[in-house]
Amino acid sequence: MLNTVLFDMGGTLEDIWYNEDTIDNVMKKLQETLRANGLEPGCTDCVFRNRVLAGLKEYKRWSEGNMLEAKPEEIWPDYYLKEFHFDREKLIPITEELANMWEITYFHRELRPGVKEMLDGLKARGYHIGVISNNASLYNVFNVLEAYGIRDYMEDVTVSSVTGYRKPHPEIFRISMRQMRCKPENCVYMGDTVSRDIIGAKRAGFGRAVQIRSFLSAQKDVDVVADAEKPDVVIADFDEFLRWLDRENPEMAL
């Protein structure tokens, strides 16, 4: 019987997107924060942006290729800001601040409609609820859940920056299972990507894997092969998810 529902964060519980304006804004705030801490980039805005984005691309290639997540104190000096050769003693104390700022500025984020009502519905049915999220900030997911007013619904929040493993690595799912004290075959996982969420949950032995598509889905799934694991269902909204779950698991339906 299914008794646990776990969610991805960005693109799933929250809508998320970025554009040229959000990128310009994060570059501006990044430079302001660096200068406020005695770290001068010493280049034009254009050069600064190109260097940071090149570092981001290098980090993503390493991180996604290995299904691992480094800590902010490693990511920022060794990748994002590598070309600036900043004094590490000045940079490392602000790396989590930079990581959190990046997550909420590079991306526009807002809670999807119907999330709280869906979580209430799951609680009323007796499900255990949690989050498994890829995030390069140690505290961003916790902060955002608090800001949305849904942190108390979550019995566990498992984040890649804390575990060191990124979805679809099965170990991040196993860590969540141990912390939730549940078996994977009793779990449903919902995410917006096949490449991270569906493949990861299926390979970890989850009972069901559900997709809700987002702005980032096509971009992140561009390299998914035709014979990859498929979601058990693709839903458009959370009312549809509850109806589907009741059909799949009538023992816990209201």
C-alpha atoms as a PDB file:
ATOM      1  CA  MET A   1       0.000   0.000   0.000  1.00  0.00           C
ATOM      2  CA  LEU A   2       1.158   3.511  -0.746  1.00  0.00           C
ATOM      3  CA  ASN A   3       1.541   5.588   2.417  1.00  0.00           C
ATOM      4  CA  THR A   4       4.160   8.270   1.639  1.00  0.00           C
ATOM      5  CA  VAL A   5       4.268  11.091  -0.911  1.00  0.00           C
ATOM      6  CA  LEU A   6       7.516  12.915  -1.619  1.00  0.00           C
ATOM      7  CA  PHE A   7       7.927  15.990  -3.791  1.00  0.00           C
ATOM      8  CA  ASP A   8      10.535  17.786  -5.791  1.00  0.00           C
ATOM      9  CA  MET A   9      10.638  21.504  -4.984  1.00  0.00           C
ATOM     10  CA  GLY A  10      11.534  23.827  -7.895  1.00  0.00           C
ATOM     11  CA  GLY A  11       9.209  23.186 -10.835  1.00  0.00           C
ATOM     12  CA  THR A  12       6.920  20.941  -8.799  1.00  0.00           C
ATOM     13  CA  LEU A  13       5.566  22.450  -5.587  1.00  0.00           C
ATOM     14  CA  GLU A  14       6.690  25.838  -6.851  1.00  0.00           C
ATOM     15  CA  ASP A  15       6.558  27.300 -10.329  1.00  0.00           C
ATOM     16  CA  ILE A  16      10.022  28.373 -11.431  1.00  0.00           C
ATOM     17  CA  TRP A  17      11.462  30.180 -14.427  1.00  0.00           C
ATOM     18  CA  TYR A  18      14.241  32.539 -15.465  1.00  0.00           C
ATOM     19  CA  ASN A  19      14.858  35.042 -18.258  1.00  0.00           C
ATOM     20  CA  GLU A  20      17.296  37.781 -19.204  1.00  0.00           C
ATOM     21  CA  ASP A  21      15.881  40.125 -16.567  1.00  0.00           C
ATOM     22  CA  THR A  22      16.356  37.642 -13.727  1.00  0.00           C
ATOM     23  CA  ILE A  23      19.891  36.878 -14.918  1.00  0.00           C
ATOM     24  CA  ASP A  24      20.760  40.594 -15.080  1.00  0.00           C
ATOM     25  CA  ASN A  25      19.309  41.057 -11.603  1.00  0.00           C
ATOM     26  CA  VAL A  26      21.310  38.222 -10.036  1.00  0.00           C
ATOM     27  CA  MET A  27      24.527  39.518 -11.608  1.00  0.00           C
ATOM     28  CA  LYS A  28      23.880  42.960 -10.160  1.00  0.00           C
ATOM     29  CA  LYS A  29      23.143  41.629  -6.677  1.00  0.00           C
ATOM     30  CA  LEU A  30      26.121  39.293  -6.818  1.00  0.00           C
ATOM     31  CA  GLN A  31      28.500  42.148  -7.559  1.00  0.00           C
ATOM     32  CA  GLU A  32      26.929  44.284  -4.832  1.00  0.00           C
ATOM     33  CA  THR A  33      27.363  41.505  -2.260  1.00  0.00           C
ATOM     34  CA  LEU A  34      30.952  40.846  -3.276  1.00  0.00           C
ATOM     35  CA  ARG A  35      31.903  44.533  -3.083  1.00  0.00           C
ATOM     36  CA  ALA A  36      30.162  44.901   0.281  1.00  0.00           C
ATOM     37  CA  ASN A  37      32.513  42.199   1.552  1.00  0.00           C
ATOM     38  CA  GLY A  38      35.703  43.705   0.131  1.00  0.00           C
ATOM     39  CA  LEU A  39      35.805  41.566  -3.017  1.00  0.00           C
ATOM     40  CA  GLU A  40      36.199  43.681  -6.165  1.00  0.00           C
ATOM     41  CA  PRO A  41      35.560  41.884  -9.501  1.00  0.00           C
ATOM     42  CA  GLY A  42      37.661  44.446 -11.381  1.00  0.00           C
ATOM     43  CA  CYS A  43      35.952  43.982 -14.755  1.00  0.00           C
ATOM     44  CA  THR A  44      33.016  45.205 -16.811  1.00  0.00           C
ATOM     45  CA  ASP A  45      29.497  43.936 -16.182  1.00  0.00           C
ATOM     46  CA  CYS A  46      29.622  41.965 -19.434  1.00  0.00           C
ATOM     47  CA  VAL A  47      32.896  40.249 -18.570  1.00  0.00           C
ATOM     48  CA  PHE A  48      31.623  39.537 -15.057  1.00  0.00           C
ATOM     49  CA  ARG A  49      28.477  37.882 -16.381  1.00  0.00           C
ATOM     50  CA  ASN A  50      30.367  35.796 -18.929  1.00  0.00           C
ATOM     51  CA  ARG A  51      32.857  34.567 -16.340  1.00  0.00           C
ATOM     52  CA  VAL A  52      30.176  33.616 -13.822  1.00  0.00           C
ATOM     53  CA  LEU A  53      28.032  31.826 -16.398  1.00  0.00           C
ATOM     54  CA  ALA A  54      31.090  29.949 -17.671  1.00  0.00           C
ATOM     55  CA  GLY A  55      31.796  28.841 -14.090  1.00  0.00           C
ATOM     56  CA  LEU A  56      28.163  27.811 -13.676  1.00  0.00           C
ATOM     57  CA  LYS A  57      28.347  25.744 -16.869  1.00  0.00           C
ATOM     58  CA  GLU A  58      31.551  24.059 -15.693  1.00  0.00           C
ATOM     59  CA  TYR A  59      30.006  23.211 -12.336  1.00  0.00           C
ATOM     60  CA  LYS A  60      26.833  21.824 -13.902  1.00  0.00           C
ATOM     61  CA  ARG A  61      28.906  19.635 -16.197  1.00  0.00           C
ATOM     62  CA  TRP A  62      30.754  18.172 -13.201  1.00  0.00           C
ATOM     63  CA  SER A  63      27.754  17.980 -10.885  1.00  0.00           C
ATOM     64  CA  GLU A  64      25.228  16.519 -13.294  1.00  0.00           C
ATOM     65  CA  GLY A  65      27.793  14.232 -14.881  1.00  0.00           C
ATOM     66  CA  ASN A  66      28.657  12.691 -11.515  1.00  0.00           C
ATOM     67  CA  MET A  67      25.220  13.053  -9.869  1.00  0.00           C
ATOM     68  CA  LEU A  68      26.959  14.815  -6.975  1.00  0.00           C
ATOM     69  CA  GLU A  69      26.518  18.174  -5.241  1.00  0.00           C
ATOM     70  CA  ALA A  70      29.353  20.165  -3.695  1.00  0.00           C
ATOM     71  CA  LYS A  71      28.938  22.536  -0.746  1.00  0.00           C
ATOM     72  CA  PRO A  72      28.631  26.305  -1.369  1.00  0.00           C
ATOM     73  CA  GLU A  73      32.124  26.896   0.059  1.00  0.00           C
ATOM     74  CA  GLU A  74      33.447  24.690  -2.749  1.00  0.00           C
ATOM     75  CA  ILE A  75      31.124  25.720  -5.572  1.00  0.00           C
ATOM     76  CA  TRP A  76      31.681  29.454  -5.439  1.00  0.00           C
ATOM     77  CA  PRO A  77      35.494  29.710  -5.242  1.00  0.00           C
ATOM     78  CA  ASP A  78      36.187  26.637  -7.384  1.00  0.00           C
ATOM     79  CA  TYR A  79      33.575  27.106 -10.089  1.00  0.00           C
ATOM     80  CA  TYR A  80      31.241  30.142 -10.230  1.00  0.00           C
ATOM     81  CA  LEU A  81      33.901  32.701  -9.226  1.00  0.00           C
ATOM     82  CA  LYS A  82      36.967  30.698 -10.176  1.00  0.00           C
ATOM     83  CA  GLU A  83      38.258  33.217 -12.746  1.00  0.00           C
ATOM     84  CA  PHE A  84      38.375  36.076 -10.217  1.00  0.00           C
ATOM     85  CA  HIS A  85      40.886  34.433  -7.859  1.00  0.00           C
ATOM     86  CA  PHE A  86      39.273  36.059  -4.837  1.00  0.00           C
ATOM     87  CA  ASP A  87      40.772  35.790  -1.369  1.00  0.00           C
ATOM     88  CA  ARG A  88      39.188  32.557  -0.085  1.00  0.00           C
ATOM     89  CA  GLU A  89      39.226  33.772   3.521  1.00  0.00           C
ATOM     90  CA  LYS A  90      36.930  36.625   2.517  1.00  0.00           C
ATOM     91  CA  LEU A  91      34.805  34.630   0.071  1.00  0.00           C
ATOM     92  CA  ILE A  92      34.058  31.411   1.931  1.00  0.00           C
ATOM     93  CA  PRO A  93      32.132  33.026   4.844  1.00  0.00           C
ATOM     94  CA  ILE A  94      29.585  34.495   2.390  1.00  0.00           C
ATOM     95  CA  THR A  95      29.189  31.517   0.042  1.00  0.00           C
ATOM     96  CA  GLU A  96      25.912  30.300   1.565  1.00  0.00           C
ATOM     97  CA  GLU A  97      24.553  33.846   1.374  1.00  0.00           C
ATOM     98  CA  LEU A  98      25.521  33.914  -2.301  1.00  0.00           C
ATOM     99  CA  ALA A  99      24.019  30.478  -2.917  1.00  0.00           C
ATOM    100  CA  ASN A 100      20.673  31.385  -1.358  1.00  0.00           C
ATOM    101  CA  MET A 101      20.586  34.744  -3.126  1.00  0.00           C
ATOM    102  CA  TRP A 102      21.293  33.027  -6.443  1.00  0.00           C
ATOM    103  CA  GLU A 103      18.421  30.573  -5.988  1.00  0.00           C
ATOM    104  CA  ILE A 104      15.829  33.263  -5.267  1.00  0.00           C
ATOM    105  CA  THR A 105      17.109  35.820  -7.784  1.00  0.00           C
ATOM    106  CA  TYR A 106      18.330  33.879 -10.819  1.00  0.00           C
ATOM    107  CA  PHE A 107      14.995  32.037 -10.675  1.00  0.00           C
ATOM    108  CA  HIS A 108      11.552  33.527 -10.294  1.00  0.00           C
ATOM    109  CA  ARG A 109       9.728  31.296  -7.808  1.00  0.00           C
ATOM    110  CA  GLU A 110       6.144  31.115  -6.622  1.00  0.00           C
ATOM    111  CA  LEU A 111       4.013  28.442  -4.992  1.00  0.00           C
ATOM    112  CA  ARG A 112       1.864  26.619  -7.529  1.00  0.00           C
ATOM    113  CA  PRO A 113      -1.908  27.043  -7.165  1.00  0.00           C
ATOM    114  CA  GLY A 114      -3.570  24.359  -5.082  1.00  0.00           C
ATOM    115  CA  VAL A 115      -0.492  23.166  -3.185  1.00  0.00           C
ATOM    116  CA  LYS A 116      -1.800  23.843   0.320  1.00  0.00           C
ATOM    117  CA  GLU A 117      -5.171  22.310  -0.477  1.00  0.00           C
ATOM    118  CA  MET A 118      -3.453  19.222  -1.887  1.00  0.00           C
ATOM    119  CA  LEU A 119      -1.192  18.898   1.173  1.00  0.00           C
ATOM    120  CA  ASP A 120      -4.242  19.214   3.427  1.00  0.00           C
ATOM    121  CA  GLY A 121      -5.880  16.460   1.388  1.00  0.00           C
ATOM    122  CA  LEU A 122      -2.882  14.181   1.791  1.00  0.00           C
ATOM    123  CA  LYS A 123      -2.771  14.804   5.540  1.00  0.00           C
ATOM    124  CA  ALA A 124      -6.488  14.077   5.848  1.00  0.00           C
ATOM    125  CA  ARG A 125      -5.914  10.758   4.080  1.00  0.00           C
ATOM    126  CA  GLY A 126      -3.063   9.880   6.439  1.00  0.00           C
ATOM    127  CA  TYR A 127      -0.087  10.136   4.088  1.00  0.00           C
ATOM    128  CA  HIS A 128       3.438  10.939   5.233  1.00  0.00           C
ATOM    129  CA  ILE A 129       4.843  13.889   3.255  1.00  0.00           C
ATOM    130  CA  GLY A 130       8.355  15.082   2.462  1.00  0.00           C
ATOM    131  CA  VAL A 131      10.656  16.755  -0.052  1.00  0.00           C
ATOM    132  CA  ILE A 132      13.685  15.587  -2.040  1.00  0.00           C
ATOM    133  CA  SER A 133      15.330  18.502  -3.857  1.00  0.00           C
ATOM    134  CA  ASN A 134      18.431  19.285  -5.896  1.00  0.00           C
ATOM    135  CA  ASN A 135      19.668  22.639  -4.623  1.00  0.00           C
ATOM    136  CA  ALA A 136      23.156  24.151  -4.380  1.00  0.00           C
ATOM    137  CA  SER A 137      22.250  26.126  -1.228  1.00  0.00           C
ATOM    138  CA  LEU A 138      22.227  24.459   2.173  1.00  0.00           C
ATOM    139  CA  TYR A 139      19.210  26.353   3.511  1.00  0.00           C
ATOM    140  CA  ASN A 140      17.260  27.714   0.539  1.00  0.00           C
ATOM    141  CA  VAL A 141      14.697  24.908   0.359  1.00  0.00           C
ATOM    142  CA  PHE A 142      13.977  25.169   4.089  1.00  0.00           C
ATOM    143  CA  ASN A 143      13.702  28.971   3.839  1.00  0.00           C
ATOM    144  CA  VAL A 144      11.330  28.814   0.872  1.00  0.00           C
ATOM    145  CA  LEU A 145       9.112  26.194   2.489  1.00  0.00           C
ATOM    146  CA  GLU A 146       8.839  28.454   5.549  1.00  0.00           C
ATOM    147  CA  ALA A 147       8.053  31.488   3.375  1.00  0.00           C
ATOM    148  CA  TYR A 148       5.264  29.580   1.620  1.00  0.00           C
ATOM    149  CA  GLY A 149       3.852  28.436   4.960  1.00  0.00           C
ATOM    150  CA  ILE A 150       4.145  24.722   4.144  1.00  0.00           C
ATOM    151  CA  ARG A 151       7.245  23.668   6.098  1.00  0.00           C
ATOM    152  CA  ASP A 152       5.164  22.053   8.849  1.00  0.00           C
ATOM    153  CA  TYR A 153       3.574  19.626   6.380  1.00  0.00           C
ATOM    154  CA  MET A 154       6.974  18.060   5.694  1.00  0.00           C
ATOM    155  CA  GLU A 155       8.198  15.250   7.925  1.00  0.00           C
ATOM    156  CA  ASP A 156      11.579  15.349   6.178  1.00  0.00           C
ATOM    157  CA  VAL A 157      13.397  17.606   3.709  1.00  0.00           C
ATOM    158  CA  THR A 158      16.324  15.962   1.908  1.00  0.00           C
ATOM    159  CA  VAL A 159      18.541  18.337  -0.096  1.00  0.00           C
ATOM    160  CA  SER A 160      21.415  17.502  -2.453  1.00  0.00           C
ATOM    161  CA  SER A 161      23.739  20.129  -0.970  1.00  0.00           C
ATOM    162  CA  VAL A 162      23.432  18.401   2.411  1.00  0.00           C
ATOM    163  CA  THR A 163      23.622  14.772   1.236  1.00  0.00           C
ATOM    164  CA  GLY A 164      26.245  15.327  -1.469  1.00  0.00           C
ATOM    165  CA  TYR A 165      24.134  13.344  -3.975  1.00  0.00           C
ATOM    166  CA  ARG A 166      21.997  14.816  -6.752  1.00  0.00           C
ATOM    167  CA  LYS A 167      18.938  13.268  -8.319  1.00  0.00           C
ATOM    168  CA  PRO A 168      18.800  10.933 -10.178  1.00  0.00           C
ATOM    169  CA  HIS A 169      21.446   9.289  -7.957  1.00  0.00           C
ATOM    170  CA  PRO A 170      19.508   6.624  -6.041  1.00  0.00           C
ATOM    171  CA  GLU A 171      21.340   7.402  -2.801  1.00  0.00           C
ATOM    172  CA  ILE A 172      19.538  10.709  -2.258  1.00  0.00           C
ATOM    173  CA  PHE A 173      16.247   8.800  -2.457  1.00  0.00           C
ATOM    174  CA  ARG A 174      17.570   6.115  -0.087  1.00  0.00           C
ATOM    175  CA  ILE A 175      18.643   8.766   2.418  1.00  0.00           C
ATOM    176  CA  SER A 176      15.140  10.213   2.343  1.00  0.00           C
ATOM    177  CA  MET A 177      13.662   6.745   2.857  1.00  0.00           C
ATOM    178  CA  ARG A 178      15.818   6.154   5.919  1.00  0.00           C
ATOM    179  CA  GLN A 179      14.868   9.525   7.369  1.00  0.00           C
ATOM    180  CA  MET A 180      11.176   8.995   6.615  1.00  0.00           C
ATOM    181  CA  ARG A 181      11.396   5.406   7.945  1.00  0.00           C
ATOM    182  CA  CYS A 182       9.496   4.017   5.001  1.00  0.00           C
ATOM    183  CA  LYS A 183      10.005   1.545   2.187  1.00  0.00           C
ATOM    184  CA  PRO A 184      10.398   2.777  -1.400  1.00  0.00           C
ATOM    185  CA  GLU A 185       7.639   0.520  -2.710  1.00  0.00           C
ATOM    186  CA  ASN A 186       5.211   2.373  -0.425  1.00  0.00           C
ATOM    187  CA  CYS A 187       6.202   5.788  -1.821  1.00  0.00           C
ATOM    188  CA  VAL A 188       4.980   8.102  -4.535  1.00  0.00           C
ATOM    189  CA  TYR A 189       7.400  10.674  -5.915  1.00  0.00           C
ATOM    190  CA  MET A 190       6.316  13.743  -7.876  1.00  0.00           C
ATOM    191  CA  GLY A 191       8.689  15.874  -9.941  1.00  0.00           C
ATOM    192  CA  ASP A 192       8.806  17.948 -13.096  1.00  0.00           C
ATOM    193  CA  THR A 193      11.611  16.118 -14.934  1.00  0.00           C
ATOM    194  CA  VAL A 194      12.086  12.634 -16.291  1.00  0.00           C
ATOM    195  CA  SER A 195      15.887  12.931 -16.185  1.00  0.00           C
ATOM    196  CA  ARG A 196      16.128  13.736 -12.466  1.00  0.00           C
ATOM    197  CA  ASP A 197      12.838  12.826 -10.842  1.00  0.00           C
ATOM    198  CA  ILE A 198      11.186   9.961 -12.684  1.00  0.00           C
ATOM    199  CA  ILE A 199      14.381   8.060 -13.503  1.00  0.00           C
ATOM    200  CA  GLY A 200      15.718   8.593  -9.982  1.00  0.00           C
ATOM    201  CA  ALA A 201      12.534   7.473  -8.239  1.00  0.00           C
ATOM    202  CA  LYS A 202      12.068   4.444 -10.487  1.00  0.00           C
ATOM    203  CA  ARG A 203      15.654   3.293 -10.043  1.00  0.00           C
ATOM    204  CA  ALA A 204      15.308   3.696  -6.281  1.00  0.00           C
ATOM    205  CA  GLY A 205      12.331   1.333  -6.358  1.00  0.00           C
ATOM    206  CA  PHE A 206       9.526   3.792  -5.634  1.00  0.00           C
ATOM    207  CA  GLY A 207       6.012   2.437  -5.983  1.00  0.00           C
ATOM    208  CA  ARG A 208       4.854   5.265  -8.257  1.00  0.00           C
ATOM    209  CA  ALA A 209       6.446   8.227 -10.038  1.00  0.00           C
ATOM    210  CA  VAL A 210       4.347  11.211 -11.117  1.00  0.00           C
ATOM    211  CA  GLN A 211       5.303  14.057 -13.433  1.00  0.00           C
ATOM    212  CA  ILE A 212       3.940  17.600 -13.423  1.00  0.00           C
ATOM    213  CA  ARG A 213       5.648  19.578 -16.181  1.00  0.00           C
ATOM    214  CA  SER A 214       7.293  22.965 -15.674  1.00  0.00           C
ATOM    215  CA  PHE A 215       9.183  25.690 -17.543  1.00  0.00           C
ATOM    216  CA  LEU A 216      12.381  23.681 -16.995  1.00  0.00           C
ATOM    217  CA  SER A 217      11.129  20.204 -17.950  1.00  0.00           C
ATOM    218  CA  ALA A 218      11.978  20.204 -21.657  1.00  0.00           C
ATOM    219  CA  GLN A 219      15.341  21.887 -21.069  1.00  0.00           C
ATOM    220  CA  LYS A 220      16.427  19.406 -18.406  1.00  0.00           C
ATOM    221  CA  ASP A 221      15.076  16.386 -20.267  1.00  0.00           C
ATOM    222  CA  VAL A 222      16.651  17.154 -23.641  1.00  0.00           C
ATOM    223  CA  ASP A 223      19.083  14.214 -23.409  1.00  0.00           C
ATOM    224  CA  VAL A 224      16.605  11.623 -22.090  1.00  0.00           C
ATOM    225  CA  VAL A 225      16.741   8.499 -24.261  1.00  0.00           C
ATOM    226  CA  ALA A 226      13.639   6.960 -25.762  1.00  0.00           C
ATOM    227  CA  ASP A 227      13.711   3.827 -23.594  1.00  0.00           C
ATOM    228  CA  ALA A 228      14.158   5.711 -20.305  1.00  0.00           C
ATOM    229  CA  GLU A 229      11.840   5.109 -17.375  1.00  0.00           C
ATOM    230  CA  LYS A 230       8.424   6.712 -17.836  1.00  0.00           C
ATOM    231  CA  PRO A 231       6.132   8.349 -15.268  1.00  0.00           C
ATOM    232  CA  ASP A 232       3.148   6.337 -14.125  1.00  0.00           C
ATOM    233  CA  VAL A 233       1.033   9.395 -14.832  1.00  0.00           C
ATOM    234  CA  VAL A 234       1.500  12.990 -16.023  1.00  0.00           C
ATOM    235  CA  ILE A 235      -0.810  15.375 -14.184  1.00  0.00           C
ATOM    236  CA  ALA A 236      -1.748  18.971 -14.922  1.00  0.00           C
ATOM    237  CA  ASP A 237      -2.703  20.092 -11.415  1.00  0.00           C
ATOM    238  CA  PHE A 238      -2.934  18.881  -7.844  1.00  0.00           C
ATOM    239  CA  ASP A 239      -6.656  18.149  -7.880  1.00  0.00           C
ATOM    240  CA  GLU A 240      -5.949  15.676 -10.668  1.00  0.00           C
ATOM    241  CA  PHE A 241      -3.149  14.190  -8.591  1.00  0.00           C
ATOM    242  CA  LEU A 242      -5.428  13.536  -5.592  1.00  0.00           C
ATOM    243  CA  ARG A 243      -8.063  11.937  -7.817  1.00  0.00           C
ATOM    244  CA  TRP A 244      -5.430   9.709  -9.432  1.00  0.00           C
ATOM    245  CA  LEU A 245      -3.949   8.787  -6.039  1.00  0.00           C
ATOM    246  CA  ASP A 246      -7.373   7.809  -4.693  1.00  0.00           C
ATOM    247  CA  ARG A 247      -7.852   5.470  -7.664  1.00  0.00           C
ATOM    248  CA  GLU A 248      -4.383   3.970  -7.269  1.00  0.00           C
ATOM    249  CA  ASN A 249      -4.630   3.614  -3.508  1.00  0.00           C
ATOM    250  CA  PRO A 250      -8.301   3.265  -2.544  1.00  0.00           C
ATOM    251  CA  GLU A 251      -7.370   2.023   0.937  1.00  0.00           C
ATOM    252  CA  MET A 252      -6.506   5.600   1.910  1.00  0.00           C
ATOM    253  CA  ALA A 253      -9.097   7.475  -0.182  1.00  0.00           C
ATOM    254  CA  LEU A 254     -11.576   9.647   1.664  1.00  0.00           C
END
